[in-house]
Amino acid sequence: MWATPTTLESENIQLRPLMLDDVQGLVDASQDGKLWELFFTPIPVPEKMHEYIISVLDEQEKGSTVAFVVIDKLSKNIIGMTRYLNIAPAHRRLEIGATWYRKSVQRSSINTECKLLLLNHAFEFLQTNVVEFRTDWFNLKSRAAIARLGAKQDGVLRNHTIMATDGRIRDVVVFSIIAAEWAGVKKNLQHLVEKYK
């Protein structure tokens, strides 16, 4: 397998491979802000978290995803989750997504640090050609955060996905960073992380 579970660390956070034992930590994180109520982000209700983790680990076993829990190194608590998705080794391409954080750490340096770790690993270790990001048309915060990273919008996939939660047909906004852009994006992300100190 090209992309495999691994642990990535920065000064403030650790990205550790998802385990079945993480159910309660992820439930606790999702309850901070009742994140499952956000219609544009598929975060499971607490009662379905165990089932959700099993399905993600099954996808990981098949090689289509690598899932991480995001841990605050100071408190040692799980504060969210993120993944490499749609892994395509033959094309050296993957997506970073299914990312969410407990409400109390949103609008902090956490997402920037997380993306710096994931992108650095993708471009410098995996030698990825392109990293994609996808989000719901209505998830304006996510769209702004992705653009802030330095990703460029490729387009909008209209009527792309039927949402399992409510049957809504969503438009998906696609962004990407290509390998030739990584040096500049990395410098920008490092600058943003320093600003939070």
N, C-alpha and C. Protein backbone atom coordinates (compact mmCIF):
# COMPACT_ATOMS: atom_id res chain seq x y z
N MET A 1 0.84 -1.19 0.00
CA MET A 1 0.00 0.00 0.00
C MET A 1 0.87 1.25 0.00
N TRP A 2 0.41 2.26 -0.68
CA TRP A 2 1.17 3.51 -0.85
C TRP A 2 1.02 4.41 0.38
N ALA A 3 -0.18 4.75 0.73
CA ALA A 3 -0.44 5.56 1.93
C ALA A 3 -0.90 4.61 3.03
N THR A 4 -0.18 4.61 4.14
CA THR A 4 -0.49 3.68 5.23
C THR A 4 -0.65 4.46 6.54
N PRO A 5 -1.34 3.89 7.52
CA PRO A 5 -1.50 4.58 8.81
C PRO A 5 -0.15 4.92 9.43
N THR A 6 -0.03 6.14 9.90
CA THR A 6 1.21 6.62 10.52
C THR A 6 0.86 7.70 11.52
N THR A 7 1.79 8.04 12.38
CA THR A 7 1.59 9.10 13.36
C THR A 7 2.38 10.33 12.93
N LEU A 8 1.72 11.49 12.94
CA LEU A 8 2.34 12.76 12.57
C LEU A 8 2.18 13.72 13.74
N GLU A 9 3.22 14.53 14.01
CA GLU A 9 3.17 15.41 15.17
C GLU A 9 3.71 16.80 14.87
N SER A 10 3.10 17.80 15.51
CA SER A 10 3.61 19.17 15.52
C SER A 10 3.79 19.57 16.98
N GLU A 11 4.04 20.83 17.22
CA GLU A 11 4.23 21.30 18.60
C GLU A 11 2.99 21.08 19.45
N ASN A 12 1.80 21.29 18.86
CA ASN A 12 0.56 21.27 19.65
C ASN A 12 -0.34 20.06 19.45
N ILE A 13 -0.21 19.39 18.31
CA ILE A 13 -1.13 18.29 18.03
C ILE A 13 -0.41 17.03 17.57
N GLN A 14 -1.11 15.94 17.72
CA GLN A 14 -0.66 14.65 17.20
C GLN A 14 -1.79 14.08 16.35
N LEU A 15 -1.44 13.60 15.18
CA LEU A 15 -2.38 12.85 14.34
C LEU A 15 -1.99 11.39 14.48
N ARG A 16 -2.87 10.63 15.08
CA ARG A 16 -2.62 9.21 15.33
C ARG A 16 -3.63 8.37 14.57
N PRO A 17 -3.21 7.20 14.07
CA PRO A 17 -4.17 6.35 13.37
C PRO A 17 -5.41 6.04 14.22
N LEU A 18 -6.57 6.11 13.58
CA LEU A 18 -7.85 5.81 14.22
C LEU A 18 -7.88 4.37 14.72
N MET A 19 -8.45 4.18 15.93
CA MET A 19 -8.63 2.85 16.50
C MET A 19 -10.06 2.71 17.00
N LEU A 20 -10.52 1.50 17.14
CA LEU A 20 -11.87 1.25 17.64
C LEU A 20 -12.04 1.80 19.06
N ASP A 21 -10.95 1.83 19.83
CA ASP A 21 -11.00 2.35 21.20
C ASP A 21 -11.26 3.86 21.26
N ASP A 22 -11.26 4.53 20.12
CA ASP A 22 -11.43 5.99 20.09
C ASP A 22 -12.90 6.43 20.11
N VAL A 23 -13.82 5.48 20.23
CA VAL A 23 -15.24 5.82 20.17
C VAL A 23 -15.60 6.92 21.16
N GLN A 24 -15.30 6.72 22.44
CA GLN A 24 -15.73 7.68 23.46
C GLN A 24 -15.06 9.04 23.27
N GLY A 25 -13.78 9.04 22.91
CA GLY A 25 -13.09 10.31 22.68
C GLY A 25 -13.71 11.09 21.53
N LEU A 26 -14.12 10.41 20.48
CA LEU A 26 -14.75 11.07 19.35
C LEU A 26 -16.18 11.51 19.68
N VAL A 27 -16.87 10.71 20.47
CA VAL A 27 -18.21 11.12 20.92
C VAL A 27 -18.10 12.41 21.74
N ASP A 28 -17.15 12.43 22.69
CA ASP A 28 -16.96 13.62 23.52
C ASP A 28 -16.65 14.84 22.67
N ALA A 29 -15.77 14.67 21.67
CA ALA A 29 -15.41 15.79 20.79
C ALA A 29 -16.61 16.27 19.99
N SER A 30 -17.40 15.34 19.47
CA SER A 30 -18.56 15.73 18.65
C SER A 30 -19.66 16.40 19.47
N GLN A 31 -19.72 16.09 20.77
CA GLN A 31 -20.74 16.69 21.63
C GLN A 31 -20.44 18.16 21.93
N ASP A 32 -19.19 18.57 21.77
CA ASP A 32 -18.82 19.97 21.96
C ASP A 32 -19.29 20.73 20.71
N GLY A 33 -20.51 21.23 20.78
CA GLY A 33 -21.11 21.95 19.65
C GLY A 33 -22.16 21.15 18.91
N LYS A 34 -22.46 19.93 19.40
CA LYS A 34 -23.44 19.06 18.74
C LYS A 34 -23.20 19.04 17.22
N LEU A 35 -22.01 18.63 16.84
CA LEU A 35 -21.57 18.73 15.45
C LEU A 35 -22.41 17.92 14.48
N TRP A 36 -23.06 16.88 14.96
CA TRP A 36 -23.90 16.06 14.07
C TRP A 36 -25.10 16.84 13.55
N GLU A 37 -25.41 17.99 14.16
CA GLU A 37 -26.55 18.79 13.70
C GLU A 37 -26.21 19.65 12.48
N LEU A 38 -24.94 19.72 12.10
CA LEU A 38 -24.55 20.48 10.91
C LEU A 38 -24.96 19.68 9.67
N PHE A 39 -25.90 20.20 8.91
CA PHE A 39 -26.45 19.42 7.79
C PHE A 39 -25.46 19.21 6.66
N PHE A 40 -24.43 20.06 6.56
CA PHE A 40 -23.51 19.98 5.43
C PHE A 40 -22.24 19.17 5.74
N THR A 41 -22.13 18.63 6.94
CA THR A 41 -20.97 17.83 7.32
C THR A 41 -21.44 16.52 7.93
N PRO A 42 -21.13 15.39 7.30
CA PRO A 42 -21.63 14.10 7.81
C PRO A 42 -20.85 13.58 9.02
N ILE A 43 -21.21 14.08 10.20
CA ILE A 43 -20.63 13.60 11.45
C ILE A 43 -21.70 12.76 12.15
N PRO A 44 -21.36 11.54 12.54
CA PRO A 44 -22.39 10.66 13.11
C PRO A 44 -22.90 11.13 14.47
N VAL A 45 -24.16 10.81 14.74
CA VAL A 45 -24.70 11.05 16.08
C VAL A 45 -23.94 10.14 17.04
N PRO A 46 -23.86 10.50 18.32
CA PRO A 46 -23.07 9.70 19.27
C PRO A 46 -23.40 8.21 19.25
N GLU A 47 -24.68 7.87 19.12
CA GLU A 47 -25.08 6.45 19.15
C GLU A 47 -24.54 5.67 17.94
N LYS A 48 -24.15 6.36 16.88
CA LYS A 48 -23.68 5.69 15.65
C LYS A 48 -22.17 5.77 15.49
N MET A 49 -21.45 6.35 16.46
CA MET A 49 -20.01 6.55 16.31
C MET A 49 -19.26 5.23 16.19
N HIS A 50 -19.64 4.24 16.99
CA HIS A 50 -18.98 2.93 16.93
C HIS A 50 -19.13 2.32 15.53
N GLU A 51 -20.34 2.35 15.03
CA GLU A 51 -20.62 1.81 13.69
C GLU A 51 -19.84 2.58 12.62
N TYR A 52 -19.77 3.91 12.78
CA TYR A 52 -19.04 4.75 11.85
C TYR A 52 -17.55 4.40 11.82
N ILE A 53 -16.95 4.23 13.00
CA ILE A 53 -15.53 3.90 13.06
C ILE A 53 -15.25 2.55 12.42
N ILE A 54 -16.13 1.58 12.64
CA ILE A 54 -15.97 0.27 12.00
C ILE A 54 -15.97 0.41 10.48
N SER A 55 -16.88 1.23 9.94
CA SER A 55 -16.96 1.40 8.49
C SER A 55 -15.70 2.11 7.95
N VAL A 56 -15.18 3.10 8.70
CA VAL A 56 -13.97 3.80 8.26
C VAL A 56 -12.77 2.85 8.29
N LEU A 57 -12.65 2.05 9.34
CA LEU A 57 -11.54 1.10 9.43
C LEU A 57 -11.63 0.04 8.34
N ASP A 58 -12.86 -0.31 7.93
CA ASP A 58 -13.05 -1.25 6.83
C ASP A 58 -12.55 -0.63 5.52
N GLU A 59 -12.88 0.63 5.30
CA GLU A 59 -12.38 1.35 4.10
C GLU A 59 -10.86 1.42 4.13
N GLN A 60 -10.30 1.64 5.32
CA GLN A 60 -8.85 1.71 5.45
C GLN A 60 -8.20 0.38 5.11
N GLU A 61 -8.81 -0.69 5.55
CA GLU A 61 -8.30 -2.04 5.25
C GLU A 61 -8.25 -2.28 3.74
N LYS A 62 -9.19 -1.69 3.01
CA LYS A 62 -9.25 -1.84 1.54
C LYS A 62 -8.31 -0.88 0.81
N GLY A 63 -7.70 0.05 1.56
CA GLY A 63 -6.71 0.93 0.96
C GLY A 63 -7.24 2.23 0.37
N SER A 64 -8.52 2.53 0.58
CA SER A 64 -9.08 3.74 -0.02
C SER A 64 -9.02 4.95 0.90
N THR A 65 -8.68 4.74 2.18
CA THR A 65 -8.61 5.85 3.14
C THR A 65 -7.57 5.55 4.20
N VAL A 66 -7.04 6.60 4.80
CA VAL A 66 -6.22 6.49 6.01
C VAL A 66 -6.80 7.50 7.00
N ALA A 67 -7.25 7.01 8.15
CA ALA A 67 -7.96 7.85 9.11
C ALA A 67 -7.10 8.17 10.33
N PHE A 68 -7.21 9.41 10.78
CA PHE A 68 -6.47 9.90 11.94
C PHE A 68 -7.42 10.51 12.97
N VAL A 69 -7.11 10.34 14.25
CA VAL A 69 -7.72 11.18 15.27
C VAL A 69 -6.75 12.31 15.53
N VAL A 70 -7.32 13.49 15.84
CA VAL A 70 -6.51 14.67 16.15
C VAL A 70 -6.48 14.82 17.67
N ILE A 71 -5.28 14.82 18.23
CA ILE A 71 -5.12 14.87 19.69
C ILE A 71 -4.40 16.14 20.10
N ASP A 72 -4.97 16.84 21.08
CA ASP A 72 -4.33 18.00 21.69
C ASP A 72 -3.24 17.47 22.62
N LYS A 73 -1.98 17.79 22.33
CA LYS A 73 -0.88 17.22 23.10
C LYS A 73 -0.85 17.72 24.54
N LEU A 74 -1.39 18.90 24.80
CA LEU A 74 -1.40 19.42 26.17
C LEU A 74 -2.40 18.68 27.05
N SER A 75 -3.64 18.55 26.56
CA SER A 75 -4.68 17.89 27.35
C SER A 75 -4.71 16.38 27.15
N LYS A 76 -4.09 15.91 26.06
CA LYS A 76 -4.12 14.48 25.66
C LYS A 76 -5.50 14.02 25.19
N ASN A 77 -6.41 14.97 24.95
CA ASN A 77 -7.77 14.64 24.53
C ASN A 77 -7.89 14.62 23.01
N ILE A 78 -8.79 13.77 22.53
CA ILE A 78 -9.14 13.77 21.11
C ILE A 78 -9.99 15.01 20.84
N ILE A 79 -9.59 15.78 19.84
CA ILE A 79 -10.33 17.01 19.53
C ILE A 79 -10.94 16.98 18.14
N GLY A 80 -10.75 15.87 17.41
CA GLY A 80 -11.34 15.79 16.08
C GLY A 80 -10.83 14.59 15.30
N MET A 81 -11.08 14.66 14.01
CA MET A 81 -10.75 13.56 13.13
C MET A 81 -10.48 14.11 11.73
N THR A 82 -9.63 13.42 10.97
CA THR A 82 -9.36 13.80 9.58
C THR A 82 -8.91 12.55 8.83
N ARG A 83 -8.90 12.64 7.49
CA ARG A 83 -8.54 11.47 6.70
C ARG A 83 -7.85 11.84 5.39
N TYR A 84 -7.04 10.91 4.90
CA TYR A 84 -6.71 10.85 3.48
C TYR A 84 -7.82 10.01 2.86
N LEU A 85 -8.41 10.51 1.77
CA LEU A 85 -9.51 9.82 1.10
C LEU A 85 -9.19 9.63 -0.39
N ASN A 86 -9.99 8.79 -1.04
CA ASN A 86 -9.87 8.60 -2.49
C ASN A 86 -8.42 8.43 -2.92
N ILE A 87 -7.73 7.57 -2.20
CA ILE A 87 -6.30 7.35 -2.45
C ILE A 87 -6.12 6.62 -3.77
N ALA A 88 -5.33 7.22 -4.66
CA ALA A 88 -5.10 6.65 -6.01
C ALA A 88 -3.60 6.51 -6.24
N PRO A 89 -2.99 5.41 -5.77
CA PRO A 89 -1.53 5.25 -5.89
C PRO A 89 -1.02 5.32 -7.33
N ALA A 90 -1.77 4.78 -8.27
CA ALA A 90 -1.32 4.77 -9.67
C ALA A 90 -1.16 6.18 -10.23
N HIS A 91 -1.89 7.11 -9.66
CA HIS A 91 -1.84 8.50 -10.13
C HIS A 91 -1.18 9.43 -9.12
N ARG A 92 -0.71 8.85 -7.98
CA ARG A 92 -0.08 9.63 -6.91
C ARG A 92 -0.96 10.81 -6.52
N ARG A 93 -2.22 10.47 -6.24
CA ARG A 93 -3.22 11.48 -5.92
C ARG A 93 -4.02 11.02 -4.70
N LEU A 94 -4.39 11.99 -3.88
CA LEU A 94 -5.28 11.70 -2.76
C LEU A 94 -6.04 12.97 -2.38
N GLU A 95 -7.02 12.78 -1.52
CA GLU A 95 -7.82 13.89 -1.01
C GLU A 95 -7.64 13.96 0.50
N ILE A 96 -7.64 15.17 1.04
CA ILE A 96 -7.70 15.36 2.49
C ILE A 96 -9.11 15.82 2.80
N GLY A 97 -9.77 15.10 3.70
CA GLY A 97 -11.15 15.47 3.99
C GLY A 97 -11.72 14.73 5.17
N ALA A 98 -13.07 14.75 5.27
CA ALA A 98 -13.79 14.19 6.41
C ALA A 98 -13.20 14.73 7.71
N THR A 99 -12.84 16.01 7.67
CA THR A 99 -12.18 16.67 8.80
C THR A 99 -13.20 17.41 9.65
N TRP A 100 -13.11 17.22 10.94
CA TRP A 100 -13.95 18.00 11.87
C TRP A 100 -13.25 18.10 13.22
N TYR A 101 -13.56 19.20 13.91
CA TYR A 101 -12.96 19.46 15.22
C TYR A 101 -14.05 19.89 16.20
N ARG A 102 -13.85 19.60 17.46
CA ARG A 102 -14.79 20.06 18.49
C ARG A 102 -14.89 21.58 18.39
N LYS A 103 -16.06 22.10 18.69
CA LYS A 103 -16.35 23.53 18.49
C LYS A 103 -15.37 24.44 19.23
N SER A 104 -14.95 24.05 20.43
CA SER A 104 -14.11 24.92 21.25
C SER A 104 -12.71 25.13 20.68
N VAL A 105 -12.27 24.32 19.71
CA VAL A 105 -10.94 24.54 19.10
C VAL A 105 -11.04 25.07 17.68
N GLN A 106 -12.24 25.22 17.17
CA GLN A 106 -12.40 25.80 15.84
C GLN A 106 -11.95 27.25 15.88
N ARG A 107 -11.45 27.74 14.76
CA ARG A 107 -10.95 29.11 14.62
C ARG A 107 -9.69 29.32 15.48
N SER A 108 -8.93 28.23 15.66
CA SER A 108 -7.63 28.30 16.33
C SER A 108 -6.58 27.84 15.31
N SER A 109 -5.38 27.57 15.77
CA SER A 109 -4.32 27.12 14.86
C SER A 109 -4.44 25.64 14.50
N ILE A 110 -5.37 24.92 15.12
CA ILE A 110 -5.44 23.47 14.99
C ILE A 110 -5.56 23.02 13.53
N ASN A 111 -6.51 23.58 12.78
CA ASN A 111 -6.70 23.14 11.40
C ASN A 111 -5.47 23.42 10.55
N THR A 112 -4.85 24.58 10.75
CA THR A 112 -3.65 24.92 9.98
C THR A 112 -2.52 23.94 10.28
N GLU A 113 -2.31 23.64 11.56
CA GLU A 113 -1.26 22.68 11.93
C GLU A 113 -1.56 21.29 11.37
N CYS A 114 -2.81 20.90 11.45
CA CYS A 114 -3.23 19.59 10.96
C CYS A 114 -2.96 19.47 9.45
N LYS A 115 -3.36 20.50 8.71
CA LYS A 115 -3.17 20.46 7.26
C LYS A 115 -1.69 20.52 6.89
N LEU A 116 -0.91 21.28 7.64
CA LEU A 116 0.54 21.33 7.39
C LEU A 116 1.15 19.95 7.55
N LEU A 117 0.77 19.23 8.60
CA LEU A 117 1.29 17.88 8.81
C LEU A 117 0.89 16.94 7.67
N LEU A 118 -0.40 16.96 7.31
CA LEU A 118 -0.91 16.05 6.28
C LEU A 118 -0.32 16.36 4.91
N LEU A 119 -0.25 17.64 4.57
CA LEU A 119 0.29 18.04 3.27
C LEU A 119 1.79 17.75 3.18
N ASN A 120 2.50 18.04 4.26
CA ASN A 120 3.94 17.76 4.27
C ASN A 120 4.20 16.27 4.05
N HIS A 121 3.44 15.43 4.75
CA HIS A 121 3.60 13.98 4.58
C HIS A 121 3.23 13.56 3.15
N ALA A 122 2.15 14.13 2.62
CA ALA A 122 1.71 13.76 1.27
C ALA A 122 2.73 14.15 0.21
N PHE A 123 3.21 15.38 0.26
CA PHE A 123 4.12 15.85 -0.80
C PHE A 123 5.56 15.42 -0.60
N GLU A 124 6.04 15.38 0.64
CA GLU A 124 7.46 15.12 0.86
C GLU A 124 7.78 13.66 1.16
N PHE A 125 6.85 12.90 1.70
CA PHE A 125 7.09 11.49 1.96
C PHE A 125 6.46 10.61 0.87
N LEU A 126 5.19 10.86 0.57
CA LEU A 126 4.49 10.05 -0.44
C LEU A 126 4.77 10.51 -1.87
N GLN A 127 5.36 11.70 -2.01
CA GLN A 127 5.65 12.26 -3.34
C GLN A 127 4.39 12.37 -4.20
N THR A 128 3.34 12.88 -3.57
CA THR A 128 2.04 13.04 -4.23
C THR A 128 2.13 14.10 -5.33
N ASN A 129 1.40 13.88 -6.42
CA ASN A 129 1.32 14.87 -7.51
C ASN A 129 0.31 15.96 -7.20
N VAL A 130 -0.79 15.57 -6.57
CA VAL A 130 -1.85 16.53 -6.28
C VAL A 130 -2.64 16.07 -5.06
N VAL A 131 -3.03 17.04 -4.23
CA VAL A 131 -3.89 16.79 -3.09
C VAL A 131 -5.18 17.57 -3.32
N GLU A 132 -6.31 16.88 -3.23
CA GLU A 132 -7.62 17.52 -3.41
C GLU A 132 -8.28 17.77 -2.06
N PHE A 133 -9.19 18.74 -2.08
CA PHE A 133 -10.09 19.01 -0.96
C PHE A 133 -11.48 19.16 -1.54
N ARG A 134 -12.47 18.58 -0.90
CA ARG A 134 -13.85 18.71 -1.38
C ARG A 134 -14.74 19.11 -0.21
N THR A 135 -15.71 19.96 -0.49
CA THR A 135 -16.63 20.37 0.57
C THR A 135 -17.98 20.72 -0.02
N ASP A 136 -18.96 20.75 0.84
CA ASP A 136 -20.33 21.09 0.45
C ASP A 136 -20.41 22.56 0.04
N TRP A 137 -21.18 22.85 -0.99
CA TRP A 137 -21.39 24.22 -1.45
C TRP A 137 -21.81 25.13 -0.29
N PHE A 138 -22.64 24.62 0.62
CA PHE A 138 -23.16 25.43 1.72
C PHE A 138 -22.21 25.54 2.92
N ASN A 139 -21.11 24.82 2.88
CA ASN A 139 -20.16 24.89 4.00
C ASN A 139 -19.18 26.04 3.75
N LEU A 140 -19.66 27.25 3.98
CA LEU A 140 -18.88 28.44 3.67
C LEU A 140 -17.61 28.54 4.50
N LYS A 141 -17.67 28.12 5.78
CA LYS A 141 -16.48 28.15 6.63
C LYS A 141 -15.40 27.23 6.08
N SER A 142 -15.80 26.05 5.66
CA SER A 142 -14.84 25.09 5.11
C SER A 142 -14.23 25.61 3.81
N ARG A 143 -15.05 26.18 2.95
CA ARG A 143 -14.54 26.72 1.69
C ARG A 143 -13.51 27.82 1.95
N ALA A 144 -13.80 28.70 2.90
CA ALA A 144 -12.86 29.78 3.24
C ALA A 144 -11.57 29.22 3.84
N ALA A 145 -11.71 28.21 4.70
CA ALA A 145 -10.53 27.61 5.34
C ALA A 145 -9.64 26.92 4.32
N ILE A 146 -10.24 26.24 3.35
CA ILE A 146 -9.45 25.56 2.32
C ILE A 146 -8.71 26.57 1.45
N ALA A 147 -9.39 27.64 1.06
CA ALA A 147 -8.75 28.68 0.26
C ALA A 147 -7.61 29.34 1.05
N ARG A 148 -7.82 29.51 2.35
CA ARG A 148 -6.81 30.13 3.20
C ARG A 148 -5.53 29.29 3.27
N LEU A 149 -5.66 27.99 3.11
CA LEU A 149 -4.49 27.12 3.10
C LEU A 149 -3.58 27.40 1.90
N GLY A 150 -4.18 27.91 0.83
CA GLY A 150 -3.43 28.12 -0.41
C GLY A 150 -3.90 27.23 -1.54
N ALA A 151 -4.97 26.46 -1.29
CA ALA A 151 -5.54 25.61 -2.35
C ALA A 151 -6.33 26.48 -3.33
N LYS A 152 -6.36 26.04 -4.58
CA LYS A 152 -7.10 26.76 -5.61
C LYS A 152 -8.38 25.99 -5.95
N GLN A 153 -9.45 26.73 -6.19
CA GLN A 153 -10.72 26.09 -6.53
C GLN A 153 -10.68 25.61 -7.98
N ASP A 154 -10.94 24.30 -8.15
CA ASP A 154 -10.97 23.70 -9.49
C ASP A 154 -12.34 23.82 -10.13
N GLY A 155 -13.38 23.74 -9.32
CA GLY A 155 -14.72 23.81 -9.87
C GLY A 155 -15.77 23.29 -8.90
N VAL A 156 -17.00 23.23 -9.41
CA VAL A 156 -18.13 22.75 -8.62
C VAL A 156 -18.75 21.56 -9.34
N LEU A 157 -18.86 20.43 -8.64
CA LEU A 157 -19.51 19.24 -9.18
C LEU A 157 -20.98 19.32 -8.80
N ARG A 158 -21.82 19.65 -9.75
CA ARG A 158 -23.23 19.89 -9.48
C ARG A 158 -23.98 18.57 -9.29
N ASN A 159 -24.93 18.55 -8.33
CA ASN A 159 -25.73 17.35 -8.04
C ASN A 159 -24.86 16.10 -7.89
N HIS A 160 -23.78 16.25 -7.16
CA HIS A 160 -22.76 15.21 -7.10
C HIS A 160 -23.08 14.08 -6.13
N THR A 161 -23.67 14.41 -4.97
CA THR A 161 -23.81 13.41 -3.92
C THR A 161 -25.20 13.47 -3.29
N ILE A 162 -25.82 12.30 -3.12
CA ILE A 162 -27.07 12.22 -2.37
C ILE A 162 -26.69 11.95 -0.92
N MET A 163 -27.05 12.86 -0.04
CA MET A 163 -26.66 12.76 1.36
C MET A 163 -27.46 11.64 2.06
N ALA A 164 -26.74 10.76 2.74
CA ALA A 164 -27.38 9.64 3.42
C ALA A 164 -28.27 10.09 4.56
N THR A 165 -27.94 11.23 5.17
CA THR A 165 -28.69 11.69 6.34
C THR A 165 -30.10 12.16 6.02
N ASP A 166 -30.24 12.90 4.91
CA ASP A 166 -31.56 13.49 4.62
C ASP A 166 -31.98 13.41 3.16
N GLY A 167 -31.17 12.77 2.31
CA GLY A 167 -31.53 12.63 0.90
C GLY A 167 -31.28 13.87 0.06
N ARG A 168 -30.76 14.92 0.68
CA ARG A 168 -30.46 16.14 -0.07
C ARG A 168 -29.38 15.85 -1.10
N ILE A 169 -29.53 16.43 -2.29
CA ILE A 169 -28.51 16.28 -3.33
C ILE A 169 -27.59 17.49 -3.24
N ARG A 170 -26.32 17.24 -2.95
CA ARG A 170 -25.42 18.36 -2.71
C ARG A 170 -24.49 18.63 -3.88
N ASP A 171 -24.13 19.89 -4.02
CA ASP A 171 -23.09 20.31 -4.94
C ASP A 171 -21.77 20.25 -4.16
N VAL A 172 -20.73 19.76 -4.80
CA VAL A 172 -19.42 19.60 -4.16
C VAL A 172 -18.43 20.58 -4.79
N VAL A 173 -17.79 21.38 -3.94
CA VAL A 173 -16.77 22.31 -4.40
C VAL A 173 -15.41 21.63 -4.27
N VAL A 174 -14.65 21.61 -5.38
CA VAL A 174 -13.36 20.92 -5.42
C VAL A 174 -12.22 21.93 -5.46
N PHE A 175 -11.25 21.74 -4.57
CA PHE A 175 -10.02 22.54 -4.53
C PHE A 175 -8.84 21.58 -4.68
N SER A 176 -7.67 22.14 -5.02
CA SER A 176 -6.47 21.29 -5.05
C SER A 176 -5.21 22.10 -4.85
N ILE A 177 -4.17 21.38 -4.46
CA ILE A 177 -2.80 21.89 -4.42
C ILE A 177 -1.97 20.90 -5.21
N ILE A 178 -1.19 21.39 -6.16
CA ILE A 178 -0.33 20.50 -6.95
C ILE A 178 1.10 20.57 -6.41
N ALA A 179 1.90 19.56 -6.76
CA ALA A 179 3.25 19.44 -6.21
C ALA A 179 4.09 20.69 -6.46
N ALA A 180 3.95 21.30 -7.64
CA ALA A 180 4.74 22.49 -7.96
C ALA A 180 4.41 23.68 -7.07
N GLU A 181 3.25 23.66 -6.43
CA GLU A 181 2.83 24.76 -5.56
C GLU A 181 3.21 24.54 -4.10
N TRP A 182 3.65 23.34 -3.77
CA TRP A 182 3.83 22.96 -2.38
C TRP A 182 4.80 23.87 -1.62
N ALA A 183 5.93 24.24 -2.21
CA ALA A 183 6.92 25.06 -1.50
C ALA A 183 6.29 26.37 -1.02
N GLY A 184 5.53 27.03 -1.87
CA GLY A 184 4.89 28.28 -1.49
C GLY A 184 3.79 28.07 -0.47
N VAL A 185 2.99 27.02 -0.66
CA VAL A 185 1.92 26.72 0.29
C VAL A 185 2.49 26.39 1.66
N LYS A 186 3.58 25.63 1.67
CA LYS A 186 4.21 25.26 2.94
C LYS A 186 4.68 26.50 3.69
N LYS A 187 5.31 27.42 2.99
CA LYS A 187 5.79 28.66 3.61
C LYS A 187 4.62 29.46 4.18
N ASN A 188 3.51 29.52 3.43
CA ASN A 188 2.32 30.23 3.89
C ASN A 188 1.76 29.58 5.15
N LEU A 189 1.67 28.26 5.18
CA LEU A 189 1.13 27.56 6.34
C LEU A 189 2.02 27.74 7.56
N GLN A 190 3.32 27.67 7.37
CA GLN A 190 4.25 27.88 8.48
C GLN A 190 4.09 29.30 9.04
N HIS A 191 3.91 30.26 8.16
CA HIS A 191 3.70 31.65 8.57
C HIS A 191 2.41 31.78 9.39
N LEU A 192 1.33 31.12 8.92
CA LEU A 192 0.05 31.19 9.63
C LEU A 192 0.15 30.56 11.02
N VAL A 193 0.87 29.43 11.13
CA VAL A 193 1.04 28.78 12.43
C VAL A 193 1.82 29.69 13.37
N GLU A 194 2.86 30.35 12.87
CA GLU A 194 3.66 31.25 13.70
C GLU A 194 2.82 32.42 14.22
N LYS A 195 1.87 32.88 13.43
CA LYS A 195 1.03 34.02 13.84
C LYS A 195 0.18 33.69 15.06
N TYR A 196 -0.13 32.41 15.24
CA TYR A 196 -0.96 32.00 16.39
C TYR A 196 -0.18 31.96 17.69
N LYS A 197 1.17 31.97 17.61
CA LYS A 197 1.98 31.83 18.83
C LYS A 197 1.99 33.12 19.63
